Amino acid sequence: MNLSENASQVCEYIEKIGIEYDIVTHEPVFSLEECQRINGLINGVICKNLLLKTDSGKIFYLFMIKDNKRFVTKDVSKKLGCSRLSFASEKYMEDMLNTCAGSLSVTSLIFDKEKNVSLAIDSDVLKEEFICCHPSDNTATLKIKTEEILNVFLPSLGIEPKIIEV
């Protein structure tokens, strides 16, 4: 299996910390609709992964929300207790998380060496047994147990997510 450097680094990391996963490689996908086709192969919840920032550009969140839920900026901002959030540019994604639009996922946090990005998760995501996500590359999709993301992956990075209800 030919994986990109990012995907290889993500897979090596999650193997090192003892997480089992399934992986499917595929043509690049750029939309949730395209991801739905992949979901037919791998069967798990697909999330919108949004990189958000405050107006000051000093606070950043990777926000995970189920693909079928509506994202309302002011509601999420209020629940996170911060000023109005907006979408961060792809440059921030590249600089802080070594990834690009369409490839962003919770696994991208392994590249956040400066710990600039906090994680926020819609509570409905956590009700699912598995999370499907790109390994910071949209030509592959991982299927990982949600409890492994919460109890092994995130703690290994020193990340405590903010869980909110959208």
C-alpha atoms as a PDB file:
ATOM      1  CA  MET A   1       0.000   0.000   0.000  1.00  0.00           C
ATOM      2  CA  ASN A   2       1.494   3.312  -1.075  1.00  0.00           C
ATOM      3  CA  LEU A   3       0.762   5.940   1.547  1.00  0.00           C
ATOM      4  CA  SER A   4       1.844   9.556   1.582  1.00  0.00           C
ATOM      5  CA  GLU A   5       4.430  10.696   4.097  1.00  0.00           C
ATOM      6  CA  ASN A   6       1.709  12.217   6.301  1.00  0.00           C
ATOM      7  CA  ALA A   7      -0.440   9.077   6.204  1.00  0.00           C
ATOM      8  CA  SER A   8       2.579   6.884   6.949  1.00  0.00           C
ATOM      9  CA  GLN A   9       3.527   9.042   9.935  1.00  0.00           C
ATOM     10  CA  VAL A  10      -0.033   8.918  11.282  1.00  0.00           C
ATOM     11  CA  CYS A  11      -0.260   5.130  10.883  1.00  0.00           C
ATOM     12  CA  GLU A  12       3.165   4.605  12.489  1.00  0.00           C
ATOM     13  CA  TYR A  13       2.145   6.793  15.414  1.00  0.00           C
ATOM     14  CA  ILE A  14      -1.149   5.062  16.106  1.00  0.00           C
ATOM     15  CA  GLU A  15       0.506   1.650  15.806  1.00  0.00           C
ATOM     16  CA  LYS A  16       3.228   2.762  18.245  1.00  0.00           C
ATOM     17  CA  ILE A  17       0.613   3.655  20.862  1.00  0.00           C
ATOM     18  CA  GLY A  18      -1.183   0.345  20.359  1.00  0.00           C
ATOM     19  CA  ILE A  19      -4.300   1.350  18.459  1.00  0.00           C
ATOM     20  CA  GLU A  20      -5.771  -1.068  15.953  1.00  0.00           C
ATOM     21  CA  TYR A  21      -7.344   0.354  12.823  1.00  0.00           C
ATOM     22  CA  ASP A  22      -8.606  -0.541   9.378  1.00  0.00           C
ATOM     23  CA  ILE A  23      -7.457   1.436   6.364  1.00  0.00           C
ATOM     24  CA  VAL A  24      -8.820   1.858   2.876  1.00  0.00           C
ATOM     25  CA  THR A  25      -6.906   3.689   0.155  1.00  0.00           C
ATOM     26  CA  HIS A  26      -8.830   5.441  -2.597  1.00  0.00           C
ATOM     27  CA  GLU A  27      -8.807   8.262  -5.080  1.00  0.00           C
ATOM     28  CA  PRO A  28      -8.605  11.715  -3.436  1.00  0.00           C
ATOM     29  CA  VAL A  29     -11.931  12.806  -1.951  1.00  0.00           C
ATOM     30  CA  PHE A  30     -12.795  16.445  -1.463  1.00  0.00           C
ATOM     31  CA  SER A  31     -16.386  16.469  -0.229  1.00  0.00           C
ATOM     32  CA  LEU A  32     -18.590  14.725   2.292  1.00  0.00           C
ATOM     33  CA  GLU A  33     -20.573  13.250  -0.588  1.00  0.00           C
ATOM     34  CA  GLU A  34     -17.441  11.582  -1.932  1.00  0.00           C
ATOM     35  CA  CYS A  35     -16.609  10.358   1.577  1.00  0.00           C
ATOM     36  CA  GLN A  36     -20.008   8.659   1.757  1.00  0.00           C
ATOM     37  CA  ARG A  37     -18.883   6.318  -1.024  1.00  0.00           C
ATOM     38  CA  ILE A  38     -15.834   5.396   1.050  1.00  0.00           C
ATOM     39  CA  ASN A  39     -18.039   4.902   4.089  1.00  0.00           C
ATOM     40  CA  GLY A  40     -19.773   2.117   2.199  1.00  0.00           C
ATOM     41  CA  LEU A  41     -16.443   0.294   2.204  1.00  0.00           C
ATOM     42  CA  ILE A  42     -15.429   1.002   5.779  1.00  0.00           C
ATOM     43  CA  ASN A  43     -18.676   1.649   7.746  1.00  0.00           C
ATOM     44  CA  GLY A  44     -18.204   4.199  10.519  1.00  0.00           C
ATOM     45  CA  VAL A  45     -19.216   7.776  11.315  1.00  0.00           C
ATOM     46  CA  ILE A  46     -17.831  10.416   9.000  1.00  0.00           C
ATOM     47  CA  CYS A  47     -17.175  13.809  10.514  1.00  0.00           C
ATOM     48  CA  LYS A  48     -16.889  17.298   9.206  1.00  0.00           C
ATOM     49  CA  ASN A  49     -13.493  18.421  10.466  1.00  0.00           C
ATOM     50  CA  LEU A  50     -13.329  22.198  10.618  1.00  0.00           C
ATOM     51  CA  LEU A  51     -10.382  24.360  11.557  1.00  0.00           C
ATOM     52  CA  LEU A  52     -11.787  27.406  13.302  1.00  0.00           C
ATOM     53  CA  LYS A  53     -10.179  30.505  14.758  1.00  0.00           C
ATOM     54  CA  THR A  54     -11.228  33.459  16.854  1.00  0.00           C
ATOM     55  CA  ASP A  55     -11.265  36.932  15.307  1.00  0.00           C
ATOM     56  CA  SER A  56      -7.967  37.701  17.028  1.00  0.00           C
ATOM     57  CA  GLY A  57      -6.395  34.632  15.425  1.00  0.00           C
ATOM     58  CA  LYS A  58      -4.980  33.577  18.785  1.00  0.00           C
ATOM     59  CA  ILE A  59      -7.285  30.639  19.532  1.00  0.00           C
ATOM     60  CA  PHE A  60      -7.782  27.731  17.149  1.00  0.00           C
ATOM     61  CA  TYR A  61     -10.101  24.733  17.317  1.00  0.00           C
ATOM     62  CA  LEU A  62     -10.333  21.582  15.297  1.00  0.00           C
ATOM     63  CA  PHE A  63     -14.056  20.916  15.495  1.00  0.00           C
ATOM     64  CA  MET A  64     -15.509  17.472  14.763  1.00  0.00           C
ATOM     65  CA  ILE A  65     -19.206  17.270  13.961  1.00  0.00           C
ATOM     66  CA  LYS A  66     -21.223  14.506  12.324  1.00  0.00           C
ATOM     67  CA  ASP A  67     -21.563  14.973   8.597  1.00  0.00           C
ATOM     68  CA  ASN A  68     -25.361  15.252   8.730  1.00  0.00           C
ATOM     69  CA  LYS A  69     -25.449  18.045  11.325  1.00  0.00           C
ATOM     70  CA  ARG A  70     -25.600  21.737  10.621  1.00  0.00           C
ATOM     71  CA  PHE A  71     -22.719  23.900  11.822  1.00  0.00           C
ATOM     72  CA  VAL A  72     -23.791  27.303  13.174  1.00  0.00           C
ATOM     73  CA  THR A  73     -20.805  29.459  14.005  1.00  0.00           C
ATOM     74  CA  LYS A  74     -22.396  31.608  16.715  1.00  0.00           C
ATOM     75  CA  ASP A  75     -23.852  28.578  18.539  1.00  0.00           C
ATOM     76  CA  VAL A  76     -20.541  26.710  18.584  1.00  0.00           C
ATOM     77  CA  SER A  77     -18.682  29.879  19.621  1.00  0.00           C
ATOM     78  CA  LYS A  78     -21.065  30.384  22.525  1.00  0.00           C
ATOM     79  CA  LYS A  79     -20.796  26.750  23.680  1.00  0.00           C
ATOM     80  CA  LEU A  80     -17.003  26.960  23.585  1.00  0.00           C
ATOM     81  CA  GLY A  81     -17.110  30.255  25.491  1.00  0.00           C
ATOM     82  CA  CYS A  82     -15.081  32.239  23.000  1.00  0.00           C
ATOM     83  CA  SER A  83     -15.511  35.148  20.648  1.00  0.00           C
ATOM     84  CA  ARG A  84     -17.063  34.526  17.268  1.00  0.00           C
ATOM     85  CA  LEU A  85     -15.270  31.753  15.427  1.00  0.00           C
ATOM     86  CA  SER A  86     -14.608  31.736  11.708  1.00  0.00           C
ATOM     87  CA  PHE A  87     -12.959  29.315   9.334  1.00  0.00           C
ATOM     88  CA  ALA A  88      -9.177  29.402   9.460  1.00  0.00           C
ATOM     89  CA  SER A  89      -7.404  29.656   6.133  1.00  0.00           C
ATOM     90  CA  GLU A  90      -5.668  26.718   4.526  1.00  0.00           C
ATOM     91  CA  LYS A  91      -2.354  28.409   5.353  1.00  0.00           C
ATOM     92  CA  TYR A  92      -3.021  27.842   9.073  1.00  0.00           C
ATOM     93  CA  MET A  93      -3.838  24.208   8.331  1.00  0.00           C
ATOM     94  CA  GLU A  94      -0.556  23.803   6.494  1.00  0.00           C
ATOM     95  CA  ASP A  95       1.550  25.724   9.020  1.00  0.00           C
ATOM     96  CA  MET A  96       0.128  24.264  12.222  1.00  0.00           C
ATOM     97  CA  LEU A  97      -1.119  20.805  11.211  1.00  0.00           C
ATOM     98  CA  ASN A  98       0.942  19.945   8.136  1.00  0.00           C
ATOM     99  CA  THR A  99      -2.207  19.199   6.161  1.00  0.00           C
ATOM    100  CA  CYS A 100      -4.534  20.772   3.627  1.00  0.00           C
ATOM    101  CA  ALA A 101      -8.254  21.255   3.118  1.00  0.00           C
ATOM    102  CA  GLY A 102      -9.969  17.945   2.477  1.00  0.00           C
ATOM    103  CA  SER A 103      -7.381  16.024   4.510  1.00  0.00           C
ATOM    104  CA  LEU A 104      -7.922  17.555   7.955  1.00  0.00           C
ATOM    105  CA  SER A 105      -8.906  15.169  10.752  1.00  0.00           C
ATOM    106  CA  VAL A 106      -8.294  14.424  14.404  1.00  0.00           C
ATOM    107  CA  THR A 107      -5.124  12.564  13.365  1.00  0.00           C
ATOM    108  CA  SER A 108      -3.693  15.853  12.051  1.00  0.00           C
ATOM    109  CA  LEU A 109      -3.140  16.849  15.675  1.00  0.00           C
ATOM    110  CA  ILE A 110       0.030  14.721  15.782  1.00  0.00           C
ATOM    111  CA  PHE A 111       1.649  17.445  13.681  1.00  0.00           C
ATOM    112  CA  ASP A 112       0.693  20.270  16.092  1.00  0.00           C
ATOM    113  CA  LYS A 113       4.064  20.412  17.852  1.00  0.00           C
ATOM    114  CA  GLU A 114       3.370  23.875  19.267  1.00  0.00           C
ATOM    115  CA  LYS A 115      -0.010  22.813  20.718  1.00  0.00           C
ATOM    116  CA  ASN A 116      -1.761  25.723  19.010  1.00  0.00           C
ATOM    117  CA  VAL A 117      -4.974  23.853  18.220  1.00  0.00           C
ATOM    118  CA  SER A 118      -7.574  22.743  20.759  1.00  0.00           C
ATOM    119  CA  LEU A 119     -10.038  19.989  19.956  1.00  0.00           C
ATOM    120  CA  ALA A 120     -13.806  20.355  20.216  1.00  0.00           C
ATOM    121  CA  ILE A 121     -16.158  17.465  19.488  1.00  0.00           C
ATOM    122  CA  ASP A 122     -19.914  17.408  19.065  1.00  0.00           C
ATOM    123  CA  SER A 123     -21.247  14.896  21.609  1.00  0.00           C
ATOM    124  CA  ASP A 124     -23.133  12.931  18.929  1.00  0.00           C
ATOM    125  CA  VAL A 125     -19.810  11.885  17.370  1.00  0.00           C
ATOM    126  CA  LEU A 126     -18.931  10.086  20.596  1.00  0.00           C
ATOM    127  CA  LYS A 127     -22.088   7.950  20.463  1.00  0.00           C
ATOM    128  CA  GLU A 128     -20.678   6.068  17.479  1.00  0.00           C
ATOM    129  CA  GLU A 129     -18.571   2.919  17.874  1.00  0.00           C
ATOM    130  CA  PHE A 130     -16.108   3.913  15.148  1.00  0.00           C
ATOM    131  CA  ILE A 131     -14.791   7.136  13.695  1.00  0.00           C
ATOM    132  CA  CYS A 132     -13.615   7.220  10.090  1.00  0.00           C
ATOM    133  CA  CYS A 133     -11.021   9.839   9.304  1.00  0.00           C
ATOM    134  CA  HIS A 134      -8.261  10.641   6.875  1.00  0.00           C
ATOM    135  CA  PRO A 135      -4.708  10.125   8.118  1.00  0.00           C
ATOM    136  CA  SER A 136      -3.984  13.765   7.170  1.00  0.00           C
ATOM    137  CA  ASP A 137      -4.251  12.699   3.536  1.00  0.00           C
ATOM    138  CA  ASN A 138      -7.482  12.424   1.576  1.00  0.00           C
ATOM    139  CA  THR A 139      -6.352   9.360  -0.392  1.00  0.00           C
ATOM    140  CA  ALA A 140      -6.853   7.058   2.589  1.00  0.00           C
ATOM    141  CA  THR A 141      -9.451   6.581   5.310  1.00  0.00           C
ATOM    142  CA  LEU A 142      -8.899   5.047   8.737  1.00  0.00           C
ATOM    143  CA  LYS A 143     -11.540   3.343  10.859  1.00  0.00           C
ATOM    144  CA  ILE A 144     -10.706   3.595  14.558  1.00  0.00           C
ATOM    145  CA  LYS A 145     -12.755   2.784  17.649  1.00  0.00           C
ATOM    146  CA  THR A 146     -14.082   6.004  19.135  1.00  0.00           C
ATOM    147  CA  GLU A 147     -13.025   4.903  22.618  1.00  0.00           C
ATOM    148  CA  GLU A 148      -9.449   4.438  21.330  1.00  0.00           C
ATOM    149  CA  ILE A 149      -9.430   7.995  19.978  1.00  0.00           C
ATOM    150  CA  LEU A 150     -10.699   9.309  23.327  1.00  0.00           C
ATOM    151  CA  ASN A 151      -8.811   7.084  25.750  1.00  0.00           C
ATOM    152  CA  VAL A 152      -5.516   6.392  23.976  1.00  0.00           C
ATOM    153  CA  PHE A 153      -4.830   8.691  21.004  1.00  0.00           C
ATOM    154  CA  LEU A 154      -5.787  12.045  22.525  1.00  0.00           C
ATOM    155  CA  PRO A 155      -4.168  11.381  25.937  1.00  0.00           C
ATOM    156  CA  SER A 156      -0.953  10.329  24.151  1.00  0.00           C
ATOM    157  CA  LEU A 157      -0.865  13.841  22.667  1.00  0.00           C
ATOM    158  CA  GLY A 158      -1.803  15.529  25.940  1.00  0.00           C
ATOM    159  CA  ILE A 159      -5.129  16.658  24.492  1.00  0.00           C
ATOM    160  CA  GLU A 160      -8.326  16.890  26.472  1.00  0.00           C
ATOM    161  CA  PRO A 161     -11.177  17.622  24.078  1.00  0.00           C
ATOM    162  CA  LYS A 162     -14.030  19.988  24.807  1.00  0.00           C
ATOM    163  CA  ILE A 163     -17.259  18.057  24.292  1.00  0.00           C
ATOM    164  CA  ILE A 164     -20.241  20.194  23.314  1.00  0.00           C
ATOM    165  CA  GLU A 165     -23.779  19.456  22.203  1.00  0.00           C
ATOM    166  CA  VAL A 166     -24.742  20.936  18.848  1.00  0.00           C
END
